[in-house]
């Protein structure tokens, strides 16, 4: 999956570092130090977006650590990606027409 420069520029506004990579036939977008919704602990975390189907979901957002939030959602999925442990909640974003920054925001709604 190719990600144009203008989309990467949008993502760079979300964190300190943005990197796109492929692993096991999937594309990932890494965002370092992303601000999480108000009330989350920790308030920032690295996030990893898989903007295509994975684990039966149209897209997945992984977090570098388990996050406590006002929603009380539990982290139910762990994955080893790019030699690092990642965590995900059970949350489905069915829209496939969103740009990656919008997709991350849609996934973060689960923590509100």
N, C-alpha and C. Protein backbone atom coordinates (compact mmCIF):
# COMPACT_ATOMS: atom_id res chain seq x y z
N UNK A 1 0.85 -1.18 0.00
CA UNK A 1 0.00 0.00 0.00
C UNK A 1 0.90 1.24 0.00
N UNK A 2 0.71 2.08 -0.97
CA UNK A 2 1.50 3.30 -1.07
C UNK A 2 0.78 4.42 -0.31
N UNK A 3 1.56 5.23 0.40
CA UNK A 3 0.99 6.35 1.15
C UNK A 3 1.63 7.63 0.62
N UNK A 4 0.83 8.48 -0.04
CA UNK A 4 1.37 9.72 -0.62
C UNK A 4 1.96 10.67 0.43
N UNK A 5 2.84 11.54 -0.02
CA UNK A 5 3.52 12.47 0.86
C UNK A 5 2.56 13.40 1.60
N UNK A 6 1.46 13.83 0.97
CA UNK A 6 0.54 14.74 1.65
C UNK A 6 -0.14 14.06 2.83
N UNK A 7 -0.39 12.77 2.70
CA UNK A 7 -1.00 12.02 3.81
C UNK A 7 0.02 11.85 4.94
N UNK A 8 1.26 11.56 4.58
CA UNK A 8 2.31 11.46 5.61
C UNK A 8 2.49 12.80 6.32
N UNK A 9 2.36 13.91 5.60
CA UNK A 9 2.48 15.23 6.22
C UNK A 9 1.37 15.44 7.26
N UNK A 10 0.15 15.02 6.96
CA UNK A 10 -0.96 15.10 7.93
C UNK A 10 -0.61 14.32 9.19
N UNK A 11 -0.05 13.15 8.99
CA UNK A 11 0.28 12.29 10.12
C UNK A 11 1.41 12.86 10.96
N UNK A 12 2.33 13.56 10.34
CA UNK A 12 3.46 14.15 11.09
C UNK A 12 2.97 15.19 12.09
N UNK A 13 1.81 15.75 11.87
CA UNK A 13 1.24 16.71 12.82
C UNK A 13 0.74 16.00 14.09
N UNK A 14 0.62 14.67 14.04
CA UNK A 14 0.08 13.91 15.17
C UNK A 14 1.13 13.45 16.17
N UNK A 15 2.37 13.38 15.77
CA UNK A 15 3.39 12.86 16.66
C UNK A 15 4.78 13.33 16.27
N UNK A 16 5.74 12.93 17.09
CA UNK A 16 7.12 13.37 16.89
C UNK A 16 7.78 12.73 15.68
N UNK A 17 7.37 11.51 15.37
CA UNK A 17 7.99 10.77 14.27
C UNK A 17 6.91 9.92 13.61
N UNK A 18 6.93 9.85 12.30
CA UNK A 18 6.00 9.01 11.54
C UNK A 18 6.82 8.14 10.60
N UNK A 19 6.46 6.87 10.56
CA UNK A 19 7.17 5.94 9.69
C UNK A 19 6.19 4.94 9.12
N UNK A 20 6.31 4.68 7.85
CA UNK A 20 5.51 3.65 7.18
C UNK A 20 6.40 2.46 6.91
N UNK A 21 5.84 1.25 7.15
CA UNK A 21 6.60 0.03 6.82
C UNK A 21 5.63 -1.10 6.53
N UNK A 22 6.15 -2.13 5.91
CA UNK A 22 5.37 -3.34 5.62
C UNK A 22 5.95 -4.51 6.39
N UNK A 23 5.05 -5.37 6.86
CA UNK A 23 5.47 -6.59 7.53
C UNK A 23 4.39 -7.65 7.31
N UNK A 24 4.82 -8.83 6.94
CA UNK A 24 3.91 -9.97 6.74
C UNK A 24 2.74 -9.62 5.82
N UNK A 25 3.01 -8.85 4.78
CA UNK A 25 1.98 -8.52 3.79
C UNK A 25 1.03 -7.41 4.21
N UNK A 26 1.28 -6.76 5.32
CA UNK A 26 0.44 -5.65 5.80
C UNK A 26 1.25 -4.37 5.84
N UNK A 27 0.55 -3.26 5.66
CA UNK A 27 1.17 -1.94 5.77
C UNK A 27 0.86 -1.39 7.16
N UNK A 28 1.85 -0.74 7.76
CA UNK A 28 1.69 -0.13 9.07
C UNK A 28 2.18 1.31 9.02
N UNK A 29 1.55 2.15 9.83
CA UNK A 29 2.00 3.52 9.99
C UNK A 29 2.24 3.73 11.48
N UNK A 30 3.48 4.00 11.81
CA UNK A 30 3.90 4.21 13.18
C UNK A 30 3.90 5.71 13.48
N UNK A 31 3.29 6.10 14.60
CA UNK A 31 3.28 7.49 15.04
C UNK A 31 3.80 7.51 16.47
N UNK A 32 4.93 8.15 16.65
CA UNK A 32 5.57 8.21 17.97
C UNK A 32 5.00 9.38 18.78
N UNK A 33 4.65 9.10 20.02
CA UNK A 33 4.21 10.16 20.93
C UNK A 33 2.90 10.81 20.55
N UNK A 34 1.89 10.02 20.25
CA UNK A 34 0.58 10.55 19.87
C UNK A 34 -0.20 10.95 21.12
N UNK A 35 -0.82 12.13 21.08
CA UNK A 35 -1.66 12.61 22.18
C UNK A 35 -2.95 11.79 22.20
N UNK A 36 -3.28 11.22 23.35
CA UNK A 36 -4.49 10.43 23.49
C UNK A 36 -5.62 11.31 24.01
N UNK A 37 -6.88 10.84 23.91
CA UNK A 37 -8.00 11.65 24.38
C UNK A 37 -7.88 12.00 25.87
N UNK A 38 -8.50 13.10 26.24
CA UNK A 38 -8.48 13.56 27.63
C UNK A 38 -8.97 12.45 28.56
N UNK A 39 -8.29 12.32 29.68
CA UNK A 39 -8.66 11.31 30.68
C UNK A 39 -7.92 10.01 30.53
N UNK A 40 -7.09 9.87 29.49
CA UNK A 40 -6.33 8.64 29.30
C UNK A 40 -5.07 8.67 30.15
N UNK A 41 -4.69 7.49 30.60
CA UNK A 41 -3.44 7.33 31.33
C UNK A 41 -2.70 6.16 30.70
N UNK A 42 -1.56 6.42 30.09
CA UNK A 42 -0.83 7.68 29.99
C UNK A 42 -1.51 8.62 28.99
N UNK A 43 -1.16 9.91 29.05
CA UNK A 43 -1.77 10.87 28.13
C UNK A 43 -1.23 10.79 26.70
N UNK A 44 -0.06 10.15 26.53
CA UNK A 44 0.54 9.99 25.21
C UNK A 44 1.05 8.55 25.08
N UNK A 45 1.04 8.06 23.85
CA UNK A 45 1.58 6.73 23.58
C UNK A 45 1.96 6.66 22.11
N UNK A 46 2.84 5.75 21.80
CA UNK A 46 3.11 5.45 20.39
C UNK A 46 1.93 4.64 19.88
N UNK A 47 1.51 4.90 18.65
CA UNK A 47 0.43 4.13 18.05
C UNK A 47 0.89 3.56 16.71
N UNK A 48 0.26 2.48 16.33
CA UNK A 48 0.60 1.79 15.10
C UNK A 48 -0.71 1.48 14.38
N UNK A 49 -0.92 2.12 13.24
CA UNK A 49 -2.13 1.92 12.45
C UNK A 49 -1.87 0.91 11.35
N UNK A 50 -2.76 -0.07 11.26
CA UNK A 50 -2.80 -0.96 10.12
C UNK A 50 -4.06 -0.55 9.35
N UNK A 51 -3.92 0.21 8.26
CA UNK A 51 -5.09 0.77 7.58
C UNK A 51 -5.80 -0.21 6.64
N UNK A 52 -5.52 -1.48 6.79
CA UNK A 52 -6.18 -2.50 5.98
C UNK A 52 -6.63 -3.64 6.88
N UNK A 53 -7.35 -4.58 6.32
CA UNK A 53 -7.92 -5.67 7.10
C UNK A 53 -6.84 -6.41 7.88
N UNK A 54 -7.15 -6.63 9.16
CA UNK A 54 -6.27 -7.42 10.01
C UNK A 54 -7.10 -7.97 11.17
N UNK A 55 -6.93 -9.24 11.47
CA UNK A 55 -7.59 -9.89 12.60
C UNK A 55 -9.12 -9.82 12.52
N UNK A 56 -9.66 -9.78 11.31
CA UNK A 56 -11.11 -9.72 11.15
C UNK A 56 -11.70 -8.32 11.26
N UNK A 57 -10.87 -7.31 11.38
CA UNK A 57 -11.29 -5.91 11.44
C UNK A 57 -10.88 -5.21 10.15
N UNK A 58 -11.66 -4.23 9.69
CA UNK A 58 -11.29 -3.50 8.46
C UNK A 58 -9.97 -2.75 8.62
N UNK A 59 -9.64 -2.33 9.84
CA UNK A 59 -8.37 -1.68 10.17
C UNK A 59 -8.14 -1.90 11.66
N UNK A 60 -6.89 -1.71 12.09
CA UNK A 60 -6.58 -1.86 13.53
C UNK A 60 -5.67 -0.74 13.97
N UNK A 61 -5.86 -0.30 15.21
CA UNK A 61 -4.95 0.65 15.82
C UNK A 61 -4.36 -0.03 17.05
N UNK A 62 -3.05 -0.11 17.07
CA UNK A 62 -2.33 -0.72 18.17
C UNK A 62 -1.67 0.38 19.00
N UNK A 63 -1.52 0.11 20.29
CA UNK A 63 -0.90 1.04 21.22
C UNK A 63 0.35 0.41 21.80
N UNK A 64 1.34 1.24 22.12
CA UNK A 64 2.60 0.75 22.66
C UNK A 64 2.44 0.22 24.08
N UNK A 65 1.34 0.56 24.73
CA UNK A 65 1.06 0.07 26.09
C UNK A 65 -0.44 0.07 26.31
N UNK A 66 -0.85 -0.64 27.34
CA UNK A 66 -2.26 -0.61 27.69
C UNK A 66 -2.59 0.78 28.25
N UNK A 67 -3.74 1.30 27.85
CA UNK A 67 -4.15 2.64 28.24
C UNK A 67 -5.41 2.52 29.09
N UNK A 68 -5.44 3.26 30.19
CA UNK A 68 -6.64 3.36 31.00
C UNK A 68 -7.40 4.59 30.52
N UNK A 69 -8.71 4.42 30.29
CA UNK A 69 -9.48 5.55 29.77
C UNK A 69 -10.84 5.63 30.45
N UNK A 70 -11.52 6.74 30.23
CA UNK A 70 -12.85 6.95 30.79
C UNK A 70 -13.84 5.91 30.28
N UNK A 71 -13.61 5.39 29.08
CA UNK A 71 -14.54 4.43 28.50
C UNK A 71 -14.47 3.08 29.20
N UNK A 72 -13.35 2.81 29.85
CA UNK A 72 -13.19 1.53 30.55
C UNK A 72 -12.95 0.35 29.64
N UNK A 73 -12.70 0.60 28.36
CA UNK A 73 -12.46 -0.49 27.42
C UNK A 73 -11.21 -1.26 27.81
N UNK A 74 -11.28 -2.55 27.60
CA UNK A 74 -10.17 -3.44 27.94
C UNK A 74 -9.35 -3.76 26.70
N UNK A 75 -8.05 -3.87 26.89
CA UNK A 75 -7.17 -4.26 25.80
C UNK A 75 -7.21 -5.79 25.72
N UNK A 76 -7.71 -6.29 24.59
CA UNK A 76 -7.98 -7.71 24.47
C UNK A 76 -7.09 -8.42 23.45
N UNK A 77 -6.27 -7.67 22.76
CA UNK A 77 -5.45 -8.27 21.70
C UNK A 77 -4.02 -7.80 21.85
N UNK A 78 -3.09 -8.73 21.76
CA UNK A 78 -1.67 -8.41 21.76
C UNK A 78 -1.07 -8.93 20.47
N UNK A 79 -0.10 -8.20 19.95
CA UNK A 79 0.56 -8.62 18.71
C UNK A 79 2.03 -8.22 18.77
N UNK A 80 2.84 -9.03 18.16
CA UNK A 80 4.26 -8.72 18.02
C UNK A 80 4.47 -8.22 16.60
N UNK A 81 4.76 -6.94 16.46
CA UNK A 81 4.93 -6.31 15.15
C UNK A 81 6.23 -5.51 15.19
N UNK A 82 7.06 -5.68 14.20
CA UNK A 82 8.33 -4.96 14.10
C UNK A 82 9.16 -5.15 15.38
N UNK A 83 9.18 -6.39 15.84
CA UNK A 83 9.97 -6.77 17.02
C UNK A 83 9.60 -5.98 18.27
N UNK A 84 8.32 -5.63 18.39
CA UNK A 84 7.83 -4.87 19.54
C UNK A 84 6.44 -5.36 19.90
N UNK A 85 6.12 -5.35 21.18
CA UNK A 85 4.81 -5.77 21.65
C UNK A 85 3.82 -4.61 21.52
N UNK A 86 2.63 -4.90 20.95
CA UNK A 86 1.59 -3.90 20.76
C UNK A 86 0.27 -4.42 21.32
N UNK A 87 -0.64 -3.50 21.68
CA UNK A 87 -1.91 -3.84 22.31
C UNK A 87 -3.05 -3.16 21.56
N UNK A 88 -4.19 -3.86 21.47
CA UNK A 88 -5.35 -3.30 20.77
C UNK A 88 -6.62 -3.62 21.55
N UNK A 89 -7.60 -2.76 21.36
CA UNK A 89 -8.92 -2.99 21.94
C UNK A 89 -9.83 -3.53 20.84
N UNK A 90 -10.95 -4.08 21.25
CA UNK A 90 -11.93 -4.55 20.29
C UNK A 90 -12.78 -3.36 19.88
N UNK A 91 -12.47 -2.79 18.72
CA UNK A 91 -13.17 -1.60 18.23
C UNK A 91 -13.15 -1.63 16.71
N UNK A 92 -14.29 -1.52 16.12
CA UNK A 92 -14.42 -1.62 14.67
C UNK A 92 -14.75 -0.26 14.06
N UNK A 93 -13.95 0.13 13.10
CA UNK A 93 -14.23 1.31 12.28
C UNK A 93 -14.51 0.76 10.88
N UNK A 94 -15.77 0.80 10.49
CA UNK A 94 -16.16 0.18 9.22
C UNK A 94 -15.94 1.06 7.99
N UNK A 95 -15.63 2.32 8.18
CA UNK A 95 -15.41 3.21 7.04
C UNK A 95 -14.07 2.90 6.39
N UNK A 96 -14.08 2.79 5.10
CA UNK A 96 -12.85 2.52 4.35
C UNK A 96 -12.43 3.72 3.51
N UNK A 97 -13.19 4.82 3.61
CA UNK A 97 -12.89 6.01 2.81
C UNK A 97 -12.12 7.08 3.58
N UNK A 98 -11.67 6.77 4.78
CA UNK A 98 -10.98 7.75 5.62
C UNK A 98 -9.48 7.79 5.32
N UNK A 99 -8.92 9.00 5.42
CA UNK A 99 -7.47 9.14 5.34
C UNK A 99 -6.88 8.61 6.65
N UNK A 100 -5.61 8.21 6.66
CA UNK A 100 -5.04 7.61 7.87
C UNK A 100 -5.19 8.45 9.13
N UNK A 101 -5.02 9.78 9.06
CA UNK A 101 -5.18 10.61 10.26
C UNK A 101 -6.62 10.56 10.76
N UNK A 102 -7.58 10.53 9.84
CA UNK A 102 -8.98 10.41 10.22
C UNK A 102 -9.28 9.03 10.79
N UNK A 103 -8.64 8.03 10.25
CA UNK A 103 -8.82 6.67 10.72
C UNK A 103 -8.30 6.52 12.15
N UNK A 104 -7.14 7.11 12.44
CA UNK A 104 -6.62 7.08 13.81
C UNK A 104 -7.60 7.76 14.75
N UNK A 105 -8.11 8.92 14.37
CA UNK A 105 -9.09 9.64 15.20
C UNK A 105 -10.34 8.81 15.45
N UNK A 106 -10.80 8.10 14.42
CA UNK A 106 -12.00 7.25 14.58
C UNK A 106 -11.72 6.11 15.56
N UNK A 107 -10.54 5.54 15.51
CA UNK A 107 -10.18 4.48 16.45
C UNK A 107 -10.06 5.03 17.88
N UNK A 108 -9.54 6.23 18.01
CA UNK A 108 -9.37 6.82 19.34
C UNK A 108 -10.69 7.15 20.03
N UNK A 109 -11.78 7.24 19.26
CA UNK A 109 -13.10 7.49 19.87
C UNK A 109 -13.45 6.39 20.89
N UNK A 110 -12.87 5.23 20.73
CA UNK A 110 -13.14 4.13 21.65
C UNK A 110 -12.65 4.44 23.06
N UNK A 111 -11.72 5.36 23.19
CA UNK A 111 -11.17 5.70 24.51
C UNK A 111 -11.87 6.86 25.19
N UNK A 112 -12.91 7.39 24.56
CA UNK A 112 -13.62 8.53 25.16
C UNK A 112 -14.76 8.08 26.03
